[in-house]
PDB file of all heavy atoms in Angstrom:
ATOM      1  N   LEU A   1     200.948 121.421 274.226  1.00  0.00           N
ATOM      2  CA  LEU A   1     199.769 120.713 273.720  1.00  0.00           C
ATOM      3  C   LEU A   1     199.964 120.252 272.282  1.00  0.00           C
ATOM      4  O   LEU A   1     199.550 119.147 271.917  1.00  0.00           O
ATOM      5  CB  LEU A   1     198.523 121.589 273.833  1.00  0.00           C
ATOM      6  CG  LEU A   1     198.037 121.854 275.246  1.00  0.00           C
ATOM      7  CD1 LEU A   1     196.901 122.882 275.234  1.00  0.00           C
ATOM      8  CD2 LEU A   1     197.594 120.574 275.914  1.00  0.00           C
ATOM      9  N   LEU A   2     200.601 121.077 271.463  1.00  0.00           N
ATOM     10  CA  LEU A   2     200.887 120.666 270.079  1.00  0.00           C
ATOM     11  C   LEU A   2     201.769 119.423 270.051  1.00  0.00           C
ATOM     12  O   LEU A   2     201.509 118.479 269.299  1.00  0.00           O
ATOM     13  CB  LEU A   2     201.581 121.794 269.305  1.00  0.00           C
ATOM     14  CG  LEU A   2     200.691 122.896 268.762  1.00  0.00           C
ATOM     15  CD1 LEU A   2     201.541 124.031 268.205  1.00  0.00           C
ATOM     16  CD2 LEU A   2     199.775 122.348 267.699  1.00  0.00           C
ATOM     17  N   ALA A   3     202.806 119.430 270.879  1.00  0.00           N
ATOM     18  CA  ALA A   3     203.691 118.269 270.934  1.00  0.00           C
ATOM     19  C   ALA A   3     202.938 117.045 271.452  1.00  0.00           C
ATOM     20  O   ALA A   3     203.081 115.938 270.918  1.00  0.00           O
ATOM     21  CB  ALA A   3     204.893 118.575 271.829  1.00  0.00           C
ATOM     22  N   ALA A   4     202.106 117.230 272.460  1.00  0.00           N
ATOM     23  CA  ALA A   4     201.361 116.110 273.034  1.00  0.00           C
ATOM     24  C   ALA A   4     200.320 115.579 272.055  1.00  0.00           C
ATOM     25  O   ALA A   4     200.122 114.355 271.961  1.00  0.00           O
ATOM     26  CB  ALA A   4     200.685 116.536 274.346  1.00  0.00           C
ATOM     27  N   LEU A   5     199.683 116.464 271.344  1.00  0.00           N
ATOM     28  CA  LEU A   5     198.684 116.025 270.354  1.00  0.00           C
ATOM     29  C   LEU A   5     199.347 115.336 269.161  1.00  0.00           C
ATOM     30  O   LEU A   5     198.697 114.597 268.438  1.00  0.00           O
ATOM     31  CB  LEU A   5     197.828 117.189 269.903  1.00  0.00           C
ATOM     32  CG  LEU A   5     196.885 117.748 270.974  1.00  0.00           C
ATOM     33  CD1 LEU A   5     196.217 119.021 270.481  1.00  0.00           C
ATOM     34  CD2 LEU A   5     195.849 116.720 271.388  1.00  0.00           C
ATOM     35  N   GLY A   6     200.641 115.580 268.984  1.00  0.00           N
ATOM     36  CA  GLY A   6     201.402 114.906 267.938  1.00  0.00           C
ATOM     37  C   GLY A   6     201.933 113.564 268.398  1.00  0.00           C
ATOM     38  O   GLY A   6     202.934 113.074 267.887  1.00  0.00           O
ATOM     39  N   ARG A   7     201.299 112.977 269.395  1.00  0.00           N
ATOM     40  CA  ARG A   7     201.617 111.637 269.918  1.00  0.00           C
ATOM     41  C   ARG A   7     202.883 111.588 270.764  1.00  0.00           C
ATOM     42  O   ARG A   7     203.428 110.527 270.999  1.00  0.00           O
ATOM     43  CB  ARG A   7     201.694 110.597 268.799  1.00  0.00           C
ATOM     44  CG  ARG A   7     200.473 110.509 267.924  1.00  0.00           C
ATOM     45  CD  ARG A   7     199.339 109.863 268.670  1.00  0.00           C
ATOM     46  NE  ARG A   7     198.205 109.711 267.764  1.00  0.00           N
ATOM     47  CZ  ARG A   7     196.965 109.986 268.096  1.00  0.00           C
ATOM     48  NH1 ARG A   7     196.697 110.400 269.296  1.00  0.00           N
ATOM     49  NH2 ARG A   7     196.002 109.834 267.228  1.00  0.00           N
ATOM     50  N   ASN A   8     203.370 112.732 271.224  1.00  0.00           N
ATOM     51  CA  ASN A   8     204.494 112.769 272.134  1.00  0.00           C
ATOM     52  C   ASN A   8     203.899 112.900 273.532  1.00  0.00           C
ATOM     53  O   ASN A   8     203.526 113.987 273.968  1.00  0.00           O
ATOM     54  CB  ASN A   8     205.401 113.954 271.819  1.00  0.00           C
ATOM     55  CG  ASN A   8     206.644 113.983 272.682  1.00  0.00           C
ATOM     56  OD1 ASN A   8     206.759 113.274 273.658  1.00  0.00           O
ATOM     57  ND2 ASN A   8     207.576 114.848 272.301  1.00  0.00           N
ATOM     58  N   THR A   9     203.772 111.804 274.254  1.00  0.00           N
ATOM     59  CA  THR A   9     203.059 111.813 275.533  1.00  0.00           C
ATOM     60  C   THR A   9     203.778 112.553 276.630  1.00  0.00           C
ATOM     61  O   THR A   9     203.168 112.919 277.629  1.00  0.00           O
ATOM     62  CB  THR A   9     202.783 110.364 276.009  1.00  0.00           C
ATOM     63  OG1 THR A   9     204.030 109.673 276.110  1.00  0.00           O
ATOM     64  CG2 THR A   9     201.876 109.644 275.036  1.00  0.00           C
ATOM     65  N   SER A  10     205.078 112.792 276.477  1.00  0.00           N
ATOM     66  CA  SER A  10     205.850 113.515 277.488  1.00  0.00           C
ATOM     67  C   SER A  10     206.859 114.438 276.806  1.00  0.00           C
ATOM     68  O   SER A  10     208.044 114.156 276.749  1.00  0.00           O
ATOM     69  CB  SER A  10     206.566 112.515 278.398  1.00  0.00           C
ATOM     70  OG  SER A  10     207.228 113.189 279.432  1.00  0.00           O
ATOM     71  N   PRO A  11     206.360 115.577 276.277  1.00  0.00           N
ATOM     72  CA  PRO A  11     207.259 116.493 275.560  1.00  0.00           C
ATOM     73  C   PRO A  11     208.370 117.044 276.466  1.00  0.00           C
ATOM     74  O   PRO A  11     208.141 117.378 277.626  1.00  0.00           O
ATOM     75  CB  PRO A  11     206.330 117.632 275.120  1.00  0.00           C
ATOM     76  CG  PRO A  11     204.956 117.079 275.192  1.00  0.00           C
ATOM     77  CD  PRO A  11     204.985 116.049 276.275  1.00  0.00           C
ATOM     78  N   SER A  12     209.550 117.115 275.919  1.00  0.00           N
ATOM     79  CA  SER A  12     210.698 117.659 276.662  1.00  0.00           C
ATOM     80  C   SER A  12     210.865 119.138 276.312  1.00  0.00           C
ATOM     81  O   SER A  12     210.218 119.657 275.408  1.00  0.00           O
ATOM     82  CB  SER A  12     211.971 116.903 276.268  1.00  0.00           C
ATOM     83  OG  SER A  12     212.297 117.161 274.908  1.00  0.00           O
ATOM     84  N   ALA A  13     211.756 119.788 277.032  1.00  0.00           N
ATOM     85  CA  ALA A  13     212.060 121.188 276.753  1.00  0.00           C
ATOM     86  C   ALA A  13     212.566 121.351 275.322  1.00  0.00           C
ATOM     87  O   ALA A  13     212.231 122.314 274.633  1.00  0.00           O
ATOM     88  CB  ALA A  13     213.070 121.714 277.760  1.00  0.00           C
ATOM     89  N   LYS A  14     213.351 120.389 274.872  1.00  0.00           N
ATOM     90  CA  LYS A  14     213.892 120.428 273.519  1.00  0.00           C
ATOM     91  C   LYS A  14     212.767 120.382 272.481  1.00  0.00           C
ATOM     92  O   LYS A  14     212.807 121.104 271.478  1.00  0.00           O
ATOM     93  CB  LYS A  14     214.863 119.265 273.310  1.00  0.00           C
ATOM     94  CG  LYS A  14     215.527 119.231 271.962  1.00  0.00           C
ATOM     95  CD  LYS A  14     216.476 118.044 271.845  1.00  0.00           C
ATOM     96  CE  LYS A  14     217.039 117.966 270.446  1.00  0.00           C
ATOM     97  NZ  LYS A  14     217.872 116.776 270.268  1.00  0.00           N
ATOM     98  N   ASP A  15     211.761 119.528 272.726  1.00  0.00           N
ATOM     99  CA  ASP A  15     210.628 119.416 271.812  1.00  0.00           C
ATOM    100  C   ASP A  15     209.859 120.734 271.717  1.00  0.00           C
ATOM    101  O   ASP A  15     209.497 121.187 270.620  1.00  0.00           O
ATOM    102  CB  ASP A  15     209.664 118.310 272.269  1.00  0.00           C
ATOM    103  CG  ASP A  15     210.306 116.935 272.281  1.00  0.00           C
ATOM    104  OD1 ASP A  15     211.191 116.682 271.448  1.00  0.00           O
ATOM    105  OD2 ASP A  15     209.911 116.115 273.151  1.00  0.00           O
ATOM    106  N   ILE A  16     209.625 121.347 272.862  1.00  0.00           N
ATOM    107  CA  ILE A  16     208.866 122.595 272.891  1.00  0.00           C
ATOM    108  C   ILE A  16     209.676 123.730 272.284  1.00  0.00           C
ATOM    109  O   ILE A  16     209.144 124.559 271.536  1.00  0.00           O
ATOM    110  CB  ILE A  16     208.419 122.908 274.332  1.00  0.00           C
ATOM    111  CG1 ILE A  16     207.455 121.811 274.801  1.00  0.00           C
ATOM    112  CG2 ILE A  16     207.751 124.268 274.409  1.00  0.00           C
ATOM    113  CD1 ILE A  16     207.068 121.888 276.249  1.00  0.00           C
ATOM    114  N   LYS A  17     210.975 123.774 272.560  1.00  0.00           N
ATOM    115  CA  LYS A  17     211.829 124.796 271.958  1.00  0.00           C
ATOM    116  C   LYS A  17     211.843 124.684 270.449  1.00  0.00           C
ATOM    117  O   LYS A  17     211.861 125.689 269.732  1.00  0.00           O
ATOM    118  CB  LYS A  17     213.254 124.703 272.509  1.00  0.00           C
ATOM    119  CG  LYS A  17     213.407 125.292 273.880  1.00  0.00           C
ATOM    120  CD  LYS A  17     214.867 125.231 274.326  1.00  0.00           C
ATOM    121  CE  LYS A  17     215.024 125.850 275.702  1.00  0.00           C
ATOM    122  NZ  LYS A  17     216.421 125.864 276.135  1.00  0.00           N
ATOM    123  N   LYS A  18     211.833 123.459 269.941  1.00  0.00           N
ATOM    124  CA  LYS A  18     211.826 123.255 268.493  1.00  0.00           C
ATOM    125  C   LYS A  18     210.566 123.842 267.873  1.00  0.00           C
ATOM    126  O   LYS A  18     210.615 124.478 266.820  1.00  0.00           O
ATOM    127  CB  LYS A  18     211.932 121.754 268.192  1.00  0.00           C
ATOM    128  CG  LYS A  18     212.023 121.437 266.723  1.00  0.00           C
ATOM    129  CD  LYS A  18     212.227 119.957 266.501  1.00  0.00           C
ATOM    130  CE  LYS A  18     212.296 119.628 265.025  1.00  0.00           C
ATOM    131  NZ  LYS A  18     212.444 118.188 264.786  1.00  0.00           N
ATOM    132  N   ILE A  19     209.415 123.648 268.541  1.00  0.00           N
ATOM    133  CA  ILE A  19     208.153 124.200 268.049  1.00  0.00           C
ATOM    134  C   ILE A  19     208.204 125.724 268.087  1.00  0.00           C
ATOM    135  O   ILE A  19     207.844 126.391 267.120  1.00  0.00           O
ATOM    136  CB  ILE A  19     206.967 123.665 268.877  1.00  0.00           C
ATOM    137  CG1 ILE A  19     206.781 122.165 268.606  1.00  0.00           C
ATOM    138  CG2 ILE A  19     205.677 124.419 268.544  1.00  0.00           C
ATOM    139  CD1 ILE A  19     205.801 121.487 269.538  1.00  0.00           C
ATOM    140  N   LEU A  20     208.649 126.276 269.206  1.00  0.00           N
ATOM    141  CA  LEU A  20     208.722 127.733 269.321  1.00  0.00           C
ATOM    142  C   LEU A  20     209.718 128.349 268.349  1.00  0.00           C
ATOM    143  O   LEU A  20     209.442 129.394 267.753  1.00  0.00           O
ATOM    144  CB  LEU A  20     209.075 128.127 270.767  1.00  0.00           C
ATOM    145  CG  LEU A  20     208.004 127.818 271.820  1.00  0.00           C
ATOM    146  CD1 LEU A  20     208.555 128.062 273.217  1.00  0.00           C
ATOM    147  CD2 LEU A  20     206.760 128.637 271.571  1.00  0.00           C
ATOM    148  N   ASP A  21     210.854 127.701 268.162  1.00  0.00           N
ATOM    149  CA  ASP A  21     211.851 128.194 267.207  1.00  0.00           C
ATOM    150  C   ASP A  21     211.312 128.212 265.789  1.00  0.00           C
ATOM    151  O   ASP A  21     211.668 129.081 264.992  1.00  0.00           O
ATOM    152  CB  ASP A  21     213.121 127.343 267.263  1.00  0.00           C
ATOM    153  CG  ASP A  21     213.966 127.593 268.496  1.00  0.00           C
ATOM    154  OD1 ASP A  21     213.785 128.650 269.141  1.00  0.00           O
ATOM    155  OD2 ASP A  21     214.810 126.730 268.825  1.00  0.00           O
ATOM    156  N   SER A  22     210.425 127.281 265.461  1.00  0.00           N
ATOM    157  CA  SER A  22     209.890 127.196 264.102  1.00  0.00           C
ATOM    158  C   SER A  22     209.058 128.425 263.736  1.00  0.00           C
ATOM    159  O   SER A  22     208.862 128.705 262.559  1.00  0.00           O
ATOM    160  CB  SER A  22     209.068 125.926 263.930  1.00  0.00           C
ATOM    161  OG  SER A  22     207.832 126.018 264.623  1.00  0.00           O
ATOM    162  N   VAL A  23     208.586 129.154 264.752  1.00  0.00           N
ATOM    163  CA  VAL A  23     207.803 130.360 264.492  1.00  0.00           C
ATOM    164  C   VAL A  23     208.523 131.621 264.974  1.00  0.00           C
ATOM    165  O   VAL A  23     207.930 132.674 265.120  1.00  0.00           O
ATOM    166  CB  VAL A  23     206.387 130.274 265.100  1.00  0.00           C
ATOM    167  CG1 VAL A  23     205.555 129.236 264.396  1.00  0.00           C
ATOM    168  CG2 VAL A  23     206.439 130.013 266.586  1.00  0.00           C
ATOM    169  N   GLY A  24     209.821 131.477 265.274  1.00  0.00           N
ATOM    170  CA  GLY A  24     210.633 132.632 265.615  1.00  0.00           C
ATOM    171  C   GLY A  24     210.498 133.131 267.047  1.00  0.00           C
ATOM    172  O   GLY A  24     210.745 134.300 267.306  1.00  0.00           O
ATOM    173  N   ILE A  25     210.121 132.262 267.971  1.00  0.00           N
ATOM    174  CA  ILE A  25     209.990 132.661 269.361  1.00  0.00           C
ATOM    175  C   ILE A  25     211.114 132.049 270.179  1.00  0.00           C
ATOM    176  O   ILE A  25     211.347 130.843 270.113  1.00  0.00           O
ATOM    177  CB  ILE A  25     208.621 132.213 269.940  1.00  0.00           C
ATOM    178  CG1 ILE A  25     207.494 132.897 269.196  1.00  0.00           C
ATOM    179  CG2 ILE A  25     208.548 132.505 271.441  1.00  0.00           C
ATOM    180  CD1 ILE A  25     206.122 132.421 269.581  1.00  0.00           C
ATOM    181  N   GLU A  26     211.818 132.898 270.926  1.00  0.00           N
ATOM    182  CA  GLU A  26     212.887 132.421 271.796  1.00  0.00           C
ATOM    183  C   GLU A  26     212.273 132.005 273.129  1.00  0.00           C
ATOM    184  O   GLU A  26     211.552 132.774 273.763  1.00  0.00           O
ATOM    185  CB  GLU A  26     213.921 133.524 271.998  1.00  0.00           C
ATOM    186  CG  GLU A  26     215.147 133.046 272.735  1.00  0.00           C
ATOM    187  CD  GLU A  26     216.198 134.136 272.801  1.00  0.00           C
ATOM    188  OE1 GLU A  26     216.336 134.897 271.842  1.00  0.00           O
ATOM    189  OE2 GLU A  26     216.876 134.200 273.842  1.00  0.00           O
ATOM    190  N   ALA A  27     212.563 130.810 273.574  1.00  0.00           N
ATOM    191  CA  ALA A  27     211.958 130.256 274.790  1.00  0.00           C
ATOM    192  C   ALA A  27     212.651 130.761 276.040  1.00  0.00           C
ATOM    193  O   ALA A  27     213.872 130.876 276.093  1.00  0.00           O
ATOM    194  CB  ALA A  27     212.005 128.741 274.753  1.00  0.00           C
ATOM    195  N   ASP A  28     211.870 131.049 277.072  1.00  0.00           N
ATOM    196  CA  ASP A  28     212.368 131.400 278.403  1.00  0.00           C
ATOM    197  C   ASP A  28     212.405 130.095 279.196  1.00  0.00           C
ATOM    198  O   ASP A  28     211.367 129.468 279.435  1.00  0.00           O
ATOM    199  CB  ASP A  28     211.430 132.415 279.052  1.00  0.00           C
ATOM    200  CG  ASP A  28     211.804 132.751 280.480  1.00  0.00           C
ATOM    201  OD1 ASP A  28     212.938 132.440 280.897  1.00  0.00           O
ATOM    202  OD2 ASP A  28     210.972 133.341 281.187  1.00  0.00           O
ATOM    203  N   ASP A  29     213.589 129.679 279.594  1.00  0.00           N
ATOM    204  CA  ASP A  29     213.758 128.382 280.248  1.00  0.00           C
ATOM    205  C   ASP A  29     212.953 128.230 281.542  1.00  0.00           C
ATOM    206  O   ASP A  29     212.418 127.163 281.813  1.00  0.00           O
ATOM    207  CB  ASP A  29     215.243 128.106 280.537  1.00  0.00           C
ATOM    208  CG  ASP A  29     216.025 127.819 279.258  1.00  0.00           C
ATOM    209  OD1 ASP A  29     215.403 127.373 278.274  1.00  0.00           O
ATOM    210  OD2 ASP A  29     217.249 128.060 279.252  1.00  0.00           O
ATOM    211  N   ASP A  30     212.836 129.303 282.326  1.00  0.00           N
ATOM    212  CA  ASP A  30     212.085 129.210 283.571  1.00  0.00           C
ATOM    213  C   ASP A  30     210.610 128.908 283.317  1.00  0.00           C
ATOM    214  O   ASP A  30     210.020 128.024 283.941  1.00  0.00           O
ATOM    215  CB  ASP A  30     212.204 130.511 284.378  1.00  0.00           C
ATOM    216  CG  ASP A  30     213.608 130.727 284.914  1.00  0.00           C
ATOM    217  OD1 ASP A  30     214.335 129.726 285.090  1.00  0.00           O
ATOM    218  OD2 ASP A  30     213.974 131.897 285.155  1.00  0.00           O
ATOM    219  N   ARG A  31     210.008 129.653 282.397  1.00  0.00           N
ATOM    220  CA  ARG A  31     208.592 129.427 282.077  1.00  0.00           C
ATOM    221  C   ARG A  31     208.392 128.064 281.435  1.00  0.00           C
ATOM    222  O   ARG A  31     207.427 127.360 281.716  1.00  0.00           O
ATOM    223  CB  ARG A  31     208.088 130.528 281.154  1.00  0.00           C
ATOM    224  CG  ARG A  31     207.960 131.850 281.830  1.00  0.00           C
ATOM    225  CD  ARG A  31     207.406 132.871 280.899  1.00  0.00           C
ATOM    226  NE  ARG A  31     207.276 134.158 281.569  1.00  0.00           N
ATOM    227  CZ  ARG A  31     206.782 135.229 280.996  1.00  0.00           C
ATOM    228  NH1 ARG A  31     206.389 135.171 279.730  1.00  0.00           N
ATOM    229  NH2 ARG A  31     206.690 136.355 281.657  1.00  0.00           N
ATOM    230  N   LEU A  32     209.290 127.713 280.568  1.00  0.00           N
ATOM    231  CA  LEU A  32     209.217 126.419 279.888  1.00  0.00           C
ATOM    232  C   LEU A  32     209.273 125.265 280.881  1.00  0.00           C
ATOM    233  O   LEU A  32     208.453 124.357 280.831  1.00  0.00           O
ATOM    234  CB  LEU A  32     210.346 126.307 278.873  1.00  0.00           C
ATOM    235  CG  LEU A  32     210.426 125.064 278.032  1.00  0.00           C
ATOM    236  CD1 LEU A  32     209.154 124.857 277.230  1.00  0.00           C
ATOM    237  CD2 LEU A  32     211.607 125.164 277.100  1.00  0.00           C
ATOM    238  N   ASN A  33     210.214 125.327 281.810  1.00  0.00           N
ATOM    239  CA  ASN A  33     210.336 124.280 282.814  1.00  0.00           C
ATOM    240  C   ASN A  33     209.128 124.223 283.741  1.00  0.00           C
ATOM    241  O   ASN A  33     208.732 123.145 284.191  1.00  0.00           O
ATOM    242  CB  ASN A  33     211.625 124.446 283.614  1.00  0.00           C
ATOM    243  CG  ASN A  33     212.857 124.188 282.754  1.00  0.00           C
ATOM    244  OD1 ASN A  33     212.808 123.383 281.826  1.00  0.00           O
ATOM    245  ND2 ASN A  33     213.932 124.881 283.043  1.00  0.00           N
ATOM    246  N   LYS A  34     208.529 125.378 284.015  1.00  0.00           N
ATOM    247  CA  LYS A  34     207.332 125.399 284.854  1.00  0.00           C
ATOM    248  C   LYS A  34     206.178 124.673 284.171  1.00  0.00           C
ATOM    249  O   LYS A  34     205.481 123.870 284.784  1.00  0.00           O
ATOM    250  CB  LYS A  34     206.929 126.835 285.181  1.00  0.00           C
ATOM    251  CG  LYS A  34     205.722 126.904 286.082  1.00  0.00           C
ATOM    252  CD  LYS A  34     205.374 128.323 286.451  1.00  0.00           C
ATOM    253  CE  LYS A  34     204.168 128.293 287.381  1.00  0.00           C
ATOM    254  NZ  LYS A  34     203.712 129.611 287.736  1.00  0.00           N
ATOM    255  N   VAL A  35     205.964 124.945 282.895  1.00  0.00           N
ATOM    256  CA  VAL A  35     204.903 124.275 282.142  1.00  0.00           C
ATOM    257  C   VAL A  35     205.148 122.763 282.107  1.00  0.00           C
ATOM    258  O   VAL A  35     204.244 121.972 282.354  1.00  0.00           O
ATOM    259  CB  VAL A  35     204.769 124.842 280.718  1.00  0.00           C
ATOM    260  CG1 VAL A  35     203.874 123.985 279.842  1.00  0.00           C
ATOM    261  CG2 VAL A  35     204.252 126.266 280.776  1.00  0.00           C
ATOM    262  N   ILE A  36     206.375 122.383 281.829  1.00  0.00           N
ATOM    263  CA  ILE A  36     206.698 120.961 281.742  1.00  0.00           C
ATOM    264  C   ILE A  36     206.470 120.272 283.092  1.00  0.00           C
ATOM    265  O   ILE A  36     205.876 119.203 283.156  1.00  0.00           O
ATOM    266  CB  ILE A  36     208.139 120.757 281.251  1.00  0.00           C
ATOM    267  CG1 ILE A  36     208.239 121.174 279.776  1.00  0.00           C
ATOM    268  CG2 ILE A  36     208.579 119.305 281.414  1.00  0.00           C
ATOM    269  CD1 ILE A  36     209.639 121.201 279.237  1.00  0.00           C
ATOM    270  N   SER A  37     206.885 120.915 284.165  1.00  0.00           N
ATOM    271  CA  SER A  37     206.726 120.285 285.489  1.00  0.00           C
ATOM    272  C   SER A  37     205.253 120.180 285.885  1.00  0.00           C
ATOM    273  O   SER A  37     204.850 119.210 286.528  1.00  0.00           O
ATOM    274  CB  SER A  37     207.507 121.053 286.546  1.00  0.00           C
ATOM    275  OG  SER A  37     206.948 122.332 286.754  1.00  0.00           O
ATOM    276  N   GLU A  38     204.436 121.142 285.480  1.00  0.00           N
ATOM    277  CA  GLU A  38     203.022 121.107 285.834  1.00  0.00           C
ATOM    278  C   GLU A  38     202.222 120.125 284.974  1.00  0.00           C
ATOM    279  O   GLU A  38     201.229 119.559 285.429  1.00  0.00           O
ATOM    280  CB  GLU A  38     202.403 122.497 285.722  1.00  0.00           C
ATOM    281  CG  GLU A  38     202.872 123.448 286.797  1.00  0.00           C
ATOM    282  CD  GLU A  38     202.245 124.821 286.687  1.00  0.00           C
ATOM    283  OE1 GLU A  38     201.341 125.016 285.851  1.00  0.00           O
ATOM    284  OE2 GLU A  38     202.674 125.705 287.437  1.00  0.00           O
ATOM    285  N   LYS A  39     202.634 119.920 283.744  1.00  0.00           N
ATOM    286  CA  LYS A  39     201.867 119.067 282.829  1.00  0.00           C
ATOM    287  C   LYS A  39     202.437 117.663 282.669  1.00  0.00           C
ATOM    288  O   LYS A  39     201.748 116.767 282.223  1.00  0.00           O
ATOM    289  CB  LYS A  39     201.794 119.725 281.436  1.00  0.00           C
ATOM    290  CG  LYS A  39     201.208 121.111 281.429  1.00  0.00           C
ATOM    291  CD  LYS A  39     199.782 121.111 281.867  1.00  0.00           C
ATOM    292  CE  LYS A  39     199.218 122.518 281.857  1.00  0.00           C
ATOM    293  NZ  LYS A  39     198.437 122.819 283.020  1.00  0.00           N
ATOM    294  N   ASN A  40     203.685 117.484 283.040  1.00  0.00           N
ATOM    295  CA  ASN A  40     204.348 116.195 282.827  1.00  0.00           C
ATOM    296  C   ASN A  40     203.640 115.079 283.581  1.00  0.00           C
ATOM    297  O   ASN A  40     203.327 115.199 284.757  1.00  0.00           O
ATOM    298  CB  ASN A  40     205.811 116.283 283.256  1.00  0.00           C
ATOM    299  CG  ASN A  40     206.643 115.199 282.624  1.00  0.00           C
ATOM    300  OD1 ASN A  40     206.215 114.541 281.684  1.00  0.00           O
ATOM    301  ND2 ASN A  40     207.842 115.020 283.140  1.00  0.00           N
ATOM    302  N   GLY A  41     203.354 113.995 282.878  1.00  0.00           N
ATOM    303  CA  GLY A  41     202.721 112.834 283.475  1.00  0.00           C
ATOM    304  C   GLY A  41     201.201 112.902 283.524  1.00  0.00           C
ATOM    305  O   GLY A  41     200.555 111.960 283.946  1.00  0.00           O
ATOM    306  N   LYS A  42     200.630 114.021 283.084  1.00  0.00           N
ATOM    307  CA  LYS A  42     199.155 114.150 283.093  1.00  0.00           C
ATOM    308  C   LYS A  42     198.615 113.784 281.716  1.00  0.00           C
ATOM    309  O   LYS A  42     199.246 114.008 280.697  1.00  0.00           O
ATOM    310  CB  LYS A  42     198.754 115.578 283.457  1.00  0.00           C
ATOM    311  CG  LYS A  42     199.109 115.950 284.873  1.00  0.00           C
ATOM    312  CD  LYS A  42     198.627 117.332 285.199  1.00  0.00           C
ATOM    313  CE  LYS A  42     198.994 117.708 286.631  1.00  0.00           C
ATOM    314  NZ  LYS A  42     198.556 119.053 286.964  1.00  0.00           N
ATOM    315  N   ASN A  43     197.421 113.236 281.718  1.00  0.00           N
ATOM    316  CA  ASN A  43     196.727 112.915 280.486  1.00  0.00           C
ATOM    317  C   ASN A  43     196.223 114.222 279.859  1.00  0.00           C
ATOM    318  O   ASN A  43     195.473 114.971 280.486  1.00  0.00           O
ATOM    319  CB  ASN A  43     195.548 111.978 280.792  1.00  0.00           C
ATOM    320  CG  ASN A  43     194.822 111.550 279.544  1.00  0.00           C
ATOM    321  OD1 ASN A  43     194.769 112.249 278.549  1.00  0.00           O
ATOM    322  ND2 ASN A  43     194.236 110.383 279.616  1.00  0.00           N
TER     323      ASN A  43
END
């Protein structure tokens, strides 16, 4: 949502990892891909 609200209409895994890394959180690829697949293309 942060990436999308920043005018990125289709955030990628790389975009989300960059946000998570900025606060010291290591991303789990399975969960990350699930969120992207469920939200991708939706307003």
